[in-house]
């Protein structure tokens, strides 16, 4: 099995996942992979890797998908024009400062505190 890495630039993960076996056959697989500090995709296939034309096709389909996603986002909130509609920040975790503020607020509201052992 041959393994190839390609950079993620202009390639949507959903598109490369859907298109890979069409181009390289049913045994081909793809997964996210970082090579020498750069994000991309690791392709495993018994044959040759994607040709330049196949990569171009995947990039074009990726752009079409992103355009459809952008249009769908605009339809959700038609009154608000966003410069980068696909780059809205999503909270993953709260930082330590925010957590300590919430703890302090709970203490001021009579929140429960575990007694310390002495």
Protein backbone atom coordinates (compact mmCIF):
# COMPACT_ATOMS: atom_id res chain seq x y z
CA UNK A 1 0.00 0.00 0.00
CA UNK A 2 1.45 3.36 -1.05
CA UNK A 3 0.98 6.39 1.19
CA UNK A 4 0.96 9.95 -0.09
CA UNK A 5 0.49 13.27 1.67
CA UNK A 6 -1.15 16.31 0.06
CA UNK A 7 -1.68 19.72 1.73
CA UNK A 8 -5.19 20.67 2.79
CA UNK A 9 -5.24 23.98 0.89
CA UNK A 10 -8.48 24.41 -1.10
CA UNK A 11 -9.58 20.84 -0.28
CA UNK A 12 -12.66 20.17 1.85
CA UNK A 13 -12.38 16.98 3.89
CA UNK A 14 -15.91 15.89 2.97
CA UNK A 15 -15.17 16.23 -0.74
CA UNK A 16 -11.85 14.36 -0.74
CA UNK A 17 -13.43 11.61 1.36
CA UNK A 18 -16.29 11.23 -1.12
CA UNK A 19 -14.19 11.52 -4.29
CA UNK A 20 -11.08 9.52 -3.41
CA UNK A 21 -12.43 6.04 -4.11
CA UNK A 22 -14.00 7.27 -7.34
CA UNK A 23 -10.55 8.35 -8.55
CA UNK A 24 -8.31 5.70 -6.96
CA UNK A 25 -10.50 2.66 -6.39
CA UNK A 26 -12.30 1.02 -3.46
CA UNK A 27 -9.16 0.26 -1.45
CA UNK A 28 -8.02 3.89 -1.29
CA UNK A 29 -8.39 5.68 2.06
CA UNK A 30 -7.79 9.22 3.26
CA UNK A 31 -7.37 10.78 6.70
CA UNK A 32 -6.23 14.08 8.15
CA UNK A 33 -2.48 14.10 8.69
CA UNK A 34 0.18 16.63 9.65
CA UNK A 35 3.46 16.30 7.75
CA UNK A 36 6.44 18.44 8.73
CA UNK A 37 4.14 20.79 10.65
CA UNK A 38 1.67 21.33 7.81
CA UNK A 39 -1.90 20.02 7.86
CA UNK A 40 -3.06 17.92 4.97
CA UNK A 41 -4.35 14.49 4.02
CA UNK A 42 -2.65 11.11 4.06
CA UNK A 43 -3.81 8.99 1.15
CA UNK A 44 -3.28 5.22 1.19
CA UNK A 45 -3.76 3.42 -2.11
CA UNK A 46 -2.41 0.30 -3.81
CA UNK A 47 -1.66 2.32 -6.96
CA UNK A 48 -0.53 5.78 -7.93
CA UNK A 49 -1.68 8.92 -6.15
CA UNK A 50 -4.08 11.51 -7.51
CA UNK A 51 -3.13 13.25 -10.74
CA UNK A 52 -2.97 17.03 -11.01
CA UNK A 53 -6.30 16.99 -12.89
CA UNK A 54 -7.97 14.88 -10.19
CA UNK A 55 -6.71 17.21 -7.45
CA UNK A 56 -7.99 20.18 -9.46
CA UNK A 57 -11.40 18.47 -9.72
CA UNK A 58 -11.47 17.92 -5.94
CA UNK A 59 -10.50 21.56 -5.32
CA UNK A 60 -13.26 22.78 -7.66
CA UNK A 61 -15.87 20.59 -5.93
CA UNK A 62 -14.60 21.84 -2.57
CA UNK A 63 -15.10 25.45 -3.68
CA UNK A 64 -18.63 24.61 -4.81
CA UNK A 65 -19.39 23.05 -1.43
CA UNK A 66 -18.02 26.08 0.44
CA UNK A 67 -20.10 28.38 -1.79
CA UNK A 68 -23.25 26.37 -1.01
CA UNK A 69 -22.43 26.50 2.72
CA UNK A 70 -21.92 30.26 2.53
CA UNK A 71 -25.25 30.70 0.74
CA UNK A 72 -27.01 28.54 3.34
CA UNK A 73 -25.48 30.61 6.18
CA UNK A 74 -26.65 33.81 4.50
CA UNK A 75 -30.20 32.41 4.25
CA UNK A 76 -30.22 31.63 8.00
CA UNK A 77 -29.65 35.28 8.89
CA UNK A 78 -30.44 37.39 5.80
CA UNK A 79 -30.27 40.74 7.61
CA UNK A 80 -26.70 40.33 8.77
CA UNK A 81 -23.89 40.56 6.25
CA UNK A 82 -20.76 38.74 7.39
CA UNK A 83 -17.30 39.23 5.91
CA UNK A 84 -16.33 35.61 6.61
CA UNK A 85 -19.53 33.65 7.23
CA UNK A 86 -17.77 30.29 7.60
CA UNK A 87 -15.30 31.63 10.14
CA UNK A 88 -17.62 32.44 13.00
CA UNK A 89 -15.86 31.57 16.25
CA UNK A 90 -17.33 28.63 18.15
CA UNK A 91 -16.63 28.36 21.88
CA UNK A 92 -14.87 25.08 22.61
CA UNK A 93 -13.71 25.67 26.20
CA UNK A 94 -13.75 28.57 28.60
CA UNK A 95 -10.49 29.98 29.89
CA UNK A 96 -9.40 29.93 33.52
CA UNK A 97 -10.26 33.62 34.08
CA UNK A 98 -13.86 33.12 32.95
CA UNK A 99 -14.19 30.02 35.11
CA UNK A 100 -12.87 31.83 38.19
CA UNK A 101 -15.33 34.70 37.59
CA UNK A 102 -18.21 32.26 37.47
CA UNK A 103 -17.00 30.59 40.67
CA UNK A 104 -16.79 33.96 42.42
CA UNK A 105 -20.29 34.86 41.23
CA UNK A 106 -21.66 31.58 42.63
CA UNK A 107 -20.01 32.17 45.97
CA UNK A 108 -21.64 35.59 46.17
CA UNK A 109 -25.03 33.98 45.52
CA UNK A 110 -24.72 31.47 48.34
CA UNK A 111 -23.41 28.65 46.18
CA UNK A 112 -22.26 25.48 47.86
CA UNK A 113 -18.66 25.19 48.91
CA UNK A 114 -17.09 22.08 50.21
CA UNK A 115 -15.68 22.58 53.73
CA UNK A 116 -11.93 22.26 53.97
CA UNK A 117 -10.40 19.55 56.13
CA UNK A 118 -8.28 20.94 58.94
